Amino acid sequence: MSDGVLRELAQIFDFAGVYGIVRIAIVFLILVGYWSGLKRSRITTGQRAAAWLFVAVPLIPFAIFAPVLVGLILLMRSARVSEAIDVVPADWLIGLQAYRLFGAAFLVQ
């Protein structure tokens, strides 16, 4: 690979890495704010911890994956979407997978 290509890939990986850190920081701040709000309530420490864990563990991953699953199910049932995919050239569909390069940023870092 040429130096130019490697430099471009490094810039993409740097952006993806910073963006990932920002997303983690946002979730962290939301959870800290929720804990702070729970501390001001009149519930016991055990109830506070249970409420916080319920949001931190099941609800946040559910909020991330549920829209994707619902959208996928709706798209799979759509006759227009399946017809469009049937007529799109295969190399276009393969090219759409280029976003996976951004996922490689986590492997490189």
Protein backbone atom coordinates (compact mmCIF):
# COMPACT_ATOMS: atom_id res chain seq x y z
CA MET A 1 0.00 0.00 0.00
CA SER A 2 1.17 3.50 -0.69
CA ASP A 3 1.83 6.02 2.05
CA GLY A 4 -1.13 8.12 0.92
CA VAL A 5 -3.57 5.25 1.34
CA LEU A 6 -2.16 4.42 4.75
CA ARG A 7 -2.42 8.06 5.81
CA GLU A 8 -6.06 8.21 4.69
CA LEU A 9 -6.89 4.99 6.56
CA ALA A 10 -5.20 6.35 9.68
CA GLN A 11 -7.36 9.50 9.50
CA ILE A 12 -10.52 7.40 9.15
CA PHE A 13 -9.52 5.24 12.11
CA ASP A 14 -8.70 8.29 14.21
CA PHE A 15 -12.13 9.79 13.49
CA ALA A 16 -13.94 6.52 14.23
CA GLY A 17 -11.97 6.10 17.46
CA VAL A 18 -12.77 9.62 18.66
CA TYR A 19 -16.42 9.21 17.69
CA GLY A 20 -16.60 5.95 19.65
CA ILE A 21 -15.12 7.63 22.72
CA VAL A 22 -17.67 10.45 22.44
CA ARG A 23 -20.53 7.95 22.29
CA ILE A 24 -19.23 6.13 25.37
CA ALA A 25 -18.86 9.46 27.19
CA ILE A 26 -22.46 10.42 26.35
CA VAL A 27 -23.84 7.14 27.73
CA PHE A 28 -21.63 7.52 30.82
CA LEU A 29 -22.89 11.05 31.48
CA ILE A 30 -26.51 9.97 31.05
CA LEU A 31 -26.03 7.16 33.56
CA VAL A 32 -24.24 9.47 36.03
CA GLY A 33 -27.08 11.99 35.73
CA TYR A 34 -29.66 9.27 36.29
CA TRP A 35 -27.79 8.07 39.39
CA SER A 36 -27.67 11.65 40.68
CA GLY A 37 -31.41 11.96 40.19
CA LEU A 38 -32.02 8.67 41.97
CA LYS A 39 -29.92 9.85 44.94
CA ARG A 40 -32.26 12.81 45.39
CA SER A 41 -35.31 10.56 45.54
CA ARG A 42 -36.64 8.91 48.69
CA ILE A 43 -36.01 5.32 47.63
CA THR A 44 -33.64 3.01 49.46
CA THR A 45 -30.10 2.30 48.29
CA GLY A 46 -31.06 -1.18 47.09
CA GLN A 47 -33.99 0.16 45.10
CA ARG A 48 -31.78 2.90 43.68
CA ALA A 49 -29.16 0.39 42.55
CA ALA A 50 -31.82 -1.89 41.05
CA ALA A 51 -33.41 0.99 39.13
CA TRP A 52 -30.04 2.19 37.85
CA LEU A 53 -28.97 -1.31 36.77
CA PHE A 54 -32.30 -1.85 35.04
CA VAL A 55 -31.69 1.20 32.87
CA ALA A 56 -27.95 0.61 32.42
CA VAL A 57 -28.12 -3.08 31.57
CA PRO A 58 -31.41 -3.96 29.79
CA LEU A 59 -32.82 -0.66 28.57
CA ILE A 60 -29.81 0.94 26.88
CA PRO A 61 -28.92 -2.15 24.80
CA PHE A 62 -32.63 -2.58 24.01
CA ALA A 63 -32.80 1.03 22.82
CA ILE A 64 -29.82 0.37 20.55
CA PHE A 65 -30.92 -2.93 19.00
CA ALA A 66 -34.75 -2.75 19.00
CA PRO A 67 -35.04 -0.10 16.25
CA VAL A 68 -32.65 -2.05 14.06
CA LEU A 69 -34.58 -5.30 14.53
CA VAL A 70 -37.96 -3.65 13.95
CA GLY A 71 -36.64 -1.90 10.85
CA LEU A 72 -35.12 -5.12 9.54
CA ILE A 73 -38.38 -7.01 9.98
CA LEU A 74 -40.37 -4.27 8.24
CA LEU A 75 -37.87 -4.08 5.37
CA MET A 76 -37.89 -7.85 4.88
CA ARG A 77 -41.67 -7.79 4.44
CA SER A 78 -41.64 -4.94 1.93
CA ALA A 79 -42.25 -5.97 -1.68
CA ARG A 80 -40.74 -2.71 -2.98
CA VAL A 81 -37.50 -3.16 -1.05
CA SER A 82 -37.10 -6.77 -2.17
CA GLU A 83 -37.81 -5.78 -5.77
CA ALA A 84 -35.22 -3.00 -5.60
CA ILE A 85 -32.61 -5.36 -4.13
CA ASP A 86 -33.31 -7.87 -6.91
CA VAL A 87 -32.47 -5.34 -9.63
CA VAL A 88 -29.44 -3.70 -7.96
CA PRO A 89 -26.12 -5.00 -9.34
CA ALA A 90 -24.28 -7.30 -6.94
CA ASP A 91 -21.15 -5.12 -6.91
CA TRP A 92 -23.24 -2.20 -5.58
CA LEU A 93 -24.43 -4.34 -2.68
CA ILE A 94 -20.86 -5.40 -2.00
CA GLY A 95 -19.75 -1.77 -2.14
CA LEU A 96 -22.31 -0.88 0.52
CA GLN A 97 -20.34 -3.06 2.90
CA ALA A 98 -17.47 -0.55 2.82
CA TYR A 99 -18.76 0.86 6.12
CA ARG A 100 -17.16 -2.15 7.78
CA LEU A 101 -13.83 -0.41 7.34
CA PHE A 102 -14.91 1.85 10.18
CA GLY A 103 -15.36 -1.19 12.38
CA ALA A 104 -11.78 -2.14 11.65
CA ALA A 105 -10.75 0.99 13.56
CA PHE A 106 -11.45 -0.80 16.81
CA LEU A 107 -9.27 -3.74 15.75
CA VAL A 108 -6.40 -1.50 14.72
CA GLN A 109 -6.53 0.55 17.89
